[in-house]
Amino acid sequence: METKLESNGKVTDEPRRYSATDISILLDPTGEALPAHVSPAHRPANLVGKRVALLDISKPRGEIFLDRVEELLNQRGVTTTRFRKPTFAKPAPSSLIGDIVESSDLVVEALAD
């Protein structure tokens, strides 16, 4: 809230309105002192013969997105396997990551809400 004194002497409390010029510091939520340089992952020219993991991170409606992606991939003859994180609030357990790595060539991750 922001307290304002109007020209008639009346004091009002109004919600604070922010503009782009009010913001001067952006914080990186990862907490890294220096941002890591990450190159995009290699993408194959096609999916023929590839095994695709569909990872639901347990956010609402992620399965809806993956259902459609799976349907489209299966129509094109691509083999898919579904995986699900126990919670979106924590990184995937190493056992889940290991299962995905062992059984898949590519991963599609659902980040829906």
N, C-alpha and C. Protein backbone atom coordinates (compact mmCIF):
# COMPACT_ATOMS: atom_id res chain seq x y z
N MET A 1 0.84 -1.18 0.00
CA MET A 1 0.00 0.00 0.00
C MET A 1 0.89 1.24 0.00
N GLU A 2 0.34 2.29 -0.55
CA GLU A 2 1.07 3.55 -0.63
C GLU A 2 0.16 4.65 -0.07
N THR A 3 0.64 5.39 0.90
CA THR A 3 -0.13 6.48 1.48
C THR A 3 0.11 7.75 0.67
N LYS A 4 -0.99 8.42 0.29
CA LYS A 4 -0.89 9.64 -0.50
C LYS A 4 -1.61 10.77 0.23
N LEU A 5 -1.06 11.96 0.12
CA LEU A 5 -1.69 13.16 0.63
C LEU A 5 -2.24 13.93 -0.56
N GLU A 6 -3.55 14.02 -0.65
CA GLU A 6 -4.18 14.71 -1.77
C GLU A 6 -4.15 16.21 -1.54
N SER A 7 -4.40 17.00 -2.59
CA SER A 7 -4.35 18.46 -2.52
C SER A 7 -5.38 19.03 -1.56
N ASN A 8 -6.47 18.29 -1.29
CA ASN A 8 -7.48 18.77 -0.36
C ASN A 8 -7.16 18.39 1.09
N GLY A 9 -6.00 17.81 1.32
CA GLY A 9 -5.57 17.45 2.66
C GLY A 9 -5.99 16.06 3.09
N LYS A 10 -6.73 15.35 2.24
CA LYS A 10 -7.19 14.00 2.57
C LYS A 10 -6.06 13.00 2.37
N VAL A 11 -5.92 12.07 3.31
CA VAL A 11 -4.90 11.02 3.22
C VAL A 11 -5.58 9.75 2.73
N THR A 12 -5.01 9.11 1.71
CA THR A 12 -5.57 7.87 1.17
C THR A 12 -4.50 6.81 1.10
N ASP A 13 -4.95 5.60 1.27
CA ASP A 13 -4.07 4.44 1.07
C ASP A 13 -4.51 3.77 -0.21
N GLU A 14 -3.58 3.61 -1.15
CA GLU A 14 -3.86 2.98 -2.43
C GLU A 14 -2.85 1.88 -2.68
N PRO A 15 -3.25 0.88 -3.47
CA PRO A 15 -2.27 -0.14 -3.84
C PRO A 15 -1.11 0.49 -4.60
N ARG A 16 0.09 0.06 -4.30
CA ARG A 16 1.28 0.58 -4.98
C ARG A 16 1.26 0.09 -6.41
N ARG A 17 1.43 0.99 -7.35
CA ARG A 17 1.50 0.64 -8.77
C ARG A 17 2.96 0.70 -9.21
N TYR A 18 3.40 -0.37 -9.84
CA TYR A 18 4.78 -0.45 -10.29
C TYR A 18 4.84 -0.29 -11.80
N SER A 19 5.93 0.28 -12.26
CA SER A 19 6.18 0.36 -13.70
C SER A 19 7.54 -0.25 -13.96
N ALA A 20 7.86 -0.43 -15.22
CA ALA A 20 9.14 -1.04 -15.59
C ALA A 20 10.32 -0.23 -15.06
N THR A 21 10.17 1.06 -14.90
CA THR A 21 11.28 1.89 -14.41
C THR A 21 11.51 1.73 -12.92
N ASP A 22 10.51 1.19 -12.19
CA ASP A 22 10.67 0.97 -10.75
C ASP A 22 11.57 -0.23 -10.45
N ILE A 23 11.70 -1.13 -11.40
CA ILE A 23 12.46 -2.34 -11.17
C ILE A 23 13.90 -2.11 -11.62
N SER A 24 14.83 -2.24 -10.70
CA SER A 24 16.22 -1.99 -11.05
C SER A 24 17.11 -3.20 -10.83
N ILE A 25 16.64 -4.19 -10.10
CA ILE A 25 17.45 -5.37 -9.82
C ILE A 25 16.64 -6.61 -10.17
N LEU A 26 17.21 -7.50 -10.97
CA LEU A 26 16.59 -8.79 -11.27
C LEU A 26 17.38 -9.86 -10.55
N LEU A 27 16.69 -10.74 -9.88
CA LEU A 27 17.35 -11.80 -9.13
C LEU A 27 17.19 -13.13 -9.84
N ASP A 28 18.26 -13.90 -9.88
CA ASP A 28 18.25 -15.23 -10.45
C ASP A 28 17.83 -16.20 -9.35
N PRO A 29 16.69 -16.89 -9.50
CA PRO A 29 16.21 -17.77 -8.42
C PRO A 29 17.06 -19.01 -8.20
N THR A 30 18.00 -19.32 -9.10
CA THR A 30 18.82 -20.51 -8.92
C THR A 30 19.91 -20.30 -7.90
N GLY A 31 20.23 -19.05 -7.57
CA GLY A 31 21.23 -18.77 -6.57
C GLY A 31 22.66 -18.98 -7.03
N GLU A 32 22.88 -19.11 -8.32
CA GLU A 32 24.24 -19.28 -8.82
C GLU A 32 24.97 -17.94 -8.77
N ALA A 33 26.22 -17.96 -8.30
CA ALA A 33 27.01 -16.74 -8.27
C ALA A 33 27.32 -16.27 -9.69
N LEU A 34 27.67 -17.21 -10.54
CA LEU A 34 27.89 -16.92 -11.96
C LEU A 34 26.99 -17.84 -12.77
N PRO A 35 26.19 -17.28 -13.67
CA PRO A 35 25.33 -18.15 -14.46
C PRO A 35 26.14 -19.12 -15.32
N ALA A 36 25.69 -20.35 -15.35
CA ALA A 36 26.36 -21.37 -16.16
C ALA A 36 25.96 -21.20 -17.62
N HIS A 37 26.92 -21.37 -18.52
CA HIS A 37 26.61 -21.34 -19.94
C HIS A 37 26.16 -22.74 -20.34
N VAL A 38 24.96 -22.82 -20.88
CA VAL A 38 24.41 -24.11 -21.27
C VAL A 38 24.07 -24.06 -22.75
N SER A 39 24.64 -24.98 -23.49
CA SER A 39 24.34 -25.07 -24.92
C SER A 39 23.08 -25.91 -25.11
N PRO A 40 22.30 -25.60 -26.14
CA PRO A 40 21.12 -26.43 -26.40
C PRO A 40 21.52 -27.88 -26.68
N ALA A 41 20.67 -28.80 -26.27
CA ALA A 41 20.93 -30.22 -26.51
C ALA A 41 20.84 -30.51 -28.01
N HIS A 42 21.60 -31.51 -28.44
CA HIS A 42 21.56 -31.93 -29.84
C HIS A 42 20.16 -32.46 -30.16
N ARG A 43 19.65 -32.06 -31.30
CA ARG A 43 18.33 -32.53 -31.74
C ARG A 43 18.50 -33.36 -33.00
N PRO A 44 17.96 -34.57 -32.99
CA PRO A 44 18.10 -35.43 -34.17
C PRO A 44 17.29 -34.88 -35.35
N ALA A 45 17.69 -35.26 -36.55
CA ALA A 45 16.99 -34.81 -37.75
C ALA A 45 15.58 -35.38 -37.81
N ASN A 46 15.38 -36.60 -37.27
CA ASN A 46 14.04 -37.19 -37.21
C ASN A 46 13.97 -38.14 -36.02
N LEU A 47 12.80 -38.68 -35.77
CA LEU A 47 12.59 -39.54 -34.61
C LEU A 47 12.50 -41.02 -34.96
N VAL A 48 12.81 -41.37 -36.20
CA VAL A 48 12.74 -42.77 -36.63
C VAL A 48 13.68 -43.60 -35.76
N GLY A 49 13.12 -44.63 -35.14
CA GLY A 49 13.91 -45.54 -34.32
C GLY A 49 14.30 -44.98 -32.95
N LYS A 50 13.86 -43.80 -32.61
CA LYS A 50 14.20 -43.20 -31.31
C LYS A 50 13.19 -43.61 -30.25
N ARG A 51 13.67 -43.70 -29.03
CA ARG A 51 12.80 -43.99 -27.88
C ARG A 51 12.63 -42.68 -27.11
N VAL A 52 11.39 -42.24 -26.97
CA VAL A 52 11.12 -40.94 -26.36
C VAL A 52 10.49 -41.12 -24.98
N ALA A 53 11.14 -40.52 -23.98
CA ALA A 53 10.59 -40.51 -22.62
C ALA A 53 9.68 -39.29 -22.48
N LEU A 54 8.52 -39.49 -21.89
CA LEU A 54 7.59 -38.40 -21.61
C LEU A 54 7.56 -38.23 -20.10
N LEU A 55 8.13 -37.14 -19.62
CA LEU A 55 8.29 -36.91 -18.18
C LEU A 55 7.26 -35.92 -17.67
N ASP A 56 6.39 -36.38 -16.82
CA ASP A 56 5.40 -35.53 -16.15
C ASP A 56 6.04 -35.10 -14.83
N ILE A 57 6.19 -33.79 -14.61
CA ILE A 57 6.84 -33.33 -13.39
C ILE A 57 5.85 -33.17 -12.23
N SER A 58 4.62 -33.65 -12.41
CA SER A 58 3.58 -33.66 -11.37
C SER A 58 2.94 -32.29 -11.15
N LYS A 59 2.99 -31.42 -12.14
CA LYS A 59 2.23 -30.17 -12.05
C LYS A 59 0.85 -30.42 -12.66
N PRO A 60 -0.13 -29.65 -12.20
CA PRO A 60 -1.49 -29.85 -12.73
C PRO A 60 -1.55 -29.76 -14.25
N ARG A 61 -2.27 -30.65 -14.86
CA ARG A 61 -2.55 -30.72 -16.29
C ARG A 61 -1.36 -31.11 -17.16
N GLY A 62 -0.24 -31.46 -16.56
CA GLY A 62 0.90 -31.93 -17.35
C GLY A 62 0.58 -33.19 -18.11
N GLU A 63 -0.21 -34.07 -17.51
CA GLU A 63 -0.57 -35.32 -18.17
C GLU A 63 -1.43 -35.07 -19.41
N ILE A 64 -2.21 -34.00 -19.41
CA ILE A 64 -3.04 -33.66 -20.57
C ILE A 64 -2.14 -33.32 -21.76
N PHE A 65 -1.14 -32.52 -21.50
CA PHE A 65 -0.18 -32.16 -22.55
C PHE A 65 0.53 -33.42 -23.06
N LEU A 66 1.01 -34.24 -22.14
CA LEU A 66 1.76 -35.44 -22.54
C LEU A 66 0.87 -36.46 -23.25
N ASP A 67 -0.41 -36.54 -22.87
CA ASP A 67 -1.32 -37.44 -23.58
C ASP A 67 -1.36 -37.09 -25.06
N ARG A 68 -1.45 -35.81 -25.36
CA ARG A 68 -1.52 -35.37 -26.76
C ARG A 68 -0.20 -35.58 -27.47
N VAL A 69 0.91 -35.25 -26.82
CA VAL A 69 2.23 -35.47 -27.42
C VAL A 69 2.43 -36.95 -27.70
N GLU A 70 2.04 -37.81 -26.76
CA GLU A 70 2.18 -39.25 -26.94
C GLU A 70 1.35 -39.74 -28.12
N GLU A 71 0.12 -39.24 -28.22
CA GLU A 71 -0.76 -39.62 -29.32
C GLU A 71 -0.12 -39.26 -30.67
N LEU A 72 0.40 -38.04 -30.78
CA LEU A 72 1.01 -37.60 -32.03
C LEU A 72 2.27 -38.39 -32.37
N LEU A 73 3.09 -38.67 -31.35
CA LEU A 73 4.31 -39.44 -31.59
C LEU A 73 3.98 -40.88 -31.99
N ASN A 74 3.02 -41.49 -31.29
CA ASN A 74 2.64 -42.87 -31.61
C ASN A 74 2.06 -42.99 -33.01
N GLN A 75 1.32 -41.99 -33.46
CA GLN A 75 0.78 -41.99 -34.83
C GLN A 75 1.91 -42.02 -35.86
N ARG A 76 3.06 -41.50 -35.48
CA ARG A 76 4.22 -41.46 -36.39
C ARG A 76 5.17 -42.64 -36.17
N GLY A 77 4.73 -43.61 -35.36
CA GLY A 77 5.51 -44.82 -35.14
C GLY A 77 6.64 -44.67 -34.13
N VAL A 78 6.61 -43.64 -33.33
CA VAL A 78 7.65 -43.42 -32.33
C VAL A 78 7.26 -44.13 -31.03
N THR A 79 8.22 -44.83 -30.44
CA THR A 79 8.01 -45.53 -29.18
C THR A 79 8.13 -44.54 -28.03
N THR A 80 7.14 -44.52 -27.14
CA THR A 80 7.16 -43.62 -25.99
C THR A 80 7.05 -44.41 -24.69
N THR A 81 7.63 -43.85 -23.65
CA THR A 81 7.52 -44.40 -22.30
C THR A 81 7.22 -43.24 -21.36
N ARG A 82 6.26 -43.45 -20.46
CA ARG A 82 5.86 -42.40 -19.53
C ARG A 82 6.63 -42.53 -18.21
N PHE A 83 7.02 -41.36 -17.67
CA PHE A 83 7.67 -41.28 -16.37
C PHE A 83 7.00 -40.13 -15.62
N ARG A 84 7.06 -40.18 -14.27
CA ARG A 84 6.46 -39.12 -13.47
C ARG A 84 7.33 -38.86 -12.24
N LYS A 85 7.64 -37.59 -12.03
CA LYS A 85 8.35 -37.20 -10.80
C LYS A 85 7.38 -37.30 -9.62
N PRO A 86 7.89 -37.62 -8.43
CA PRO A 86 7.02 -37.67 -7.25
C PRO A 86 6.41 -36.30 -6.91
N THR A 87 7.16 -35.23 -7.14
CA THR A 87 6.70 -33.87 -6.85
C THR A 87 7.43 -32.88 -7.74
N PHE A 88 6.75 -31.81 -8.12
CA PHE A 88 7.42 -30.80 -8.94
C PHE A 88 8.32 -29.91 -8.09
N ALA A 89 8.17 -29.97 -6.77
CA ALA A 89 8.90 -29.06 -5.88
C ALA A 89 10.36 -29.46 -5.65
N LYS A 90 10.73 -30.64 -6.09
CA LYS A 90 12.11 -31.12 -5.87
C LYS A 90 12.66 -31.69 -7.17
N PRO A 91 13.99 -31.72 -7.29
CA PRO A 91 14.57 -32.36 -8.48
C PRO A 91 14.18 -33.83 -8.56
N ALA A 92 14.23 -34.37 -9.76
CA ALA A 92 13.91 -35.78 -9.96
C ALA A 92 14.90 -36.65 -9.20
N PRO A 93 14.43 -37.72 -8.59
CA PRO A 93 15.34 -38.64 -7.90
C PRO A 93 16.34 -39.24 -8.90
N SER A 94 17.53 -39.51 -8.43
CA SER A 94 18.57 -40.05 -9.33
C SER A 94 18.14 -41.38 -9.93
N SER A 95 17.35 -42.16 -9.21
CA SER A 95 16.89 -43.45 -9.77
C SER A 95 15.97 -43.22 -10.97
N LEU A 96 15.13 -42.19 -10.90
CA LEU A 96 14.24 -41.86 -12.02
C LEU A 96 15.06 -41.38 -13.22
N ILE A 97 16.02 -40.53 -12.96
CA ILE A 97 16.90 -40.04 -14.04
C ILE A 97 17.62 -41.21 -14.69
N GLY A 98 18.11 -42.14 -13.87
CA GLY A 98 18.80 -43.33 -14.39
C GLY A 98 17.89 -44.18 -15.27
N ASP A 99 16.64 -44.36 -14.84
CA ASP A 99 15.68 -45.13 -15.63
C ASP A 99 15.43 -44.46 -16.98
N ILE A 100 15.31 -43.14 -16.98
CA ILE A 100 15.07 -42.42 -18.23
C ILE A 100 16.27 -42.54 -19.15
N VAL A 101 17.47 -42.35 -18.62
CA VAL A 101 18.69 -42.42 -19.42
C VAL A 101 18.86 -43.80 -20.04
N GLU A 102 18.60 -44.85 -19.26
CA GLU A 102 18.78 -46.22 -19.75
C GLU A 102 17.77 -46.61 -20.83
N SER A 103 16.56 -46.06 -20.76
CA SER A 103 15.50 -46.54 -21.64
C SER A 103 15.12 -45.57 -22.76
N SER A 104 15.79 -44.42 -22.84
CA SER A 104 15.32 -43.41 -23.79
C SER A 104 16.46 -42.71 -24.52
N ASP A 105 16.13 -42.21 -25.70
CA ASP A 105 17.07 -41.41 -26.48
C ASP A 105 16.78 -39.92 -26.33
N LEU A 106 15.52 -39.59 -26.09
CA LEU A 106 15.07 -38.19 -25.98
C LEU A 106 14.06 -38.07 -24.85
N VAL A 107 13.88 -36.83 -24.34
CA VAL A 107 12.91 -36.59 -23.30
C VAL A 107 12.04 -35.39 -23.66
N VAL A 108 10.73 -35.55 -23.45
CA VAL A 108 9.81 -34.43 -23.52
C VAL A 108 9.32 -34.25 -22.09
N GLU A 109 9.49 -33.04 -21.54
CA GLU A 109 9.12 -32.77 -20.16
C GLU A 109 7.92 -31.84 -20.13
N ALA A 110 6.88 -32.22 -19.39
CA ALA A 110 5.67 -31.41 -19.29
C ALA A 110 5.82 -30.40 -18.17
N LEU A 111 5.75 -29.13 -18.54
CA LEU A 111 5.84 -28.05 -17.55
C LEU A 111 4.52 -27.28 -17.54
N ALA A 112 3.43 -27.97 -17.40
CA ALA A 112 2.11 -27.35 -17.49
C ALA A 112 1.63 -26.86 -16.15
N ASP A 113 0.62 -26.04 -16.19
CA ASP A 113 -0.07 -25.55 -14.98
C ASP A 113 -1.49 -25.23 -15.32
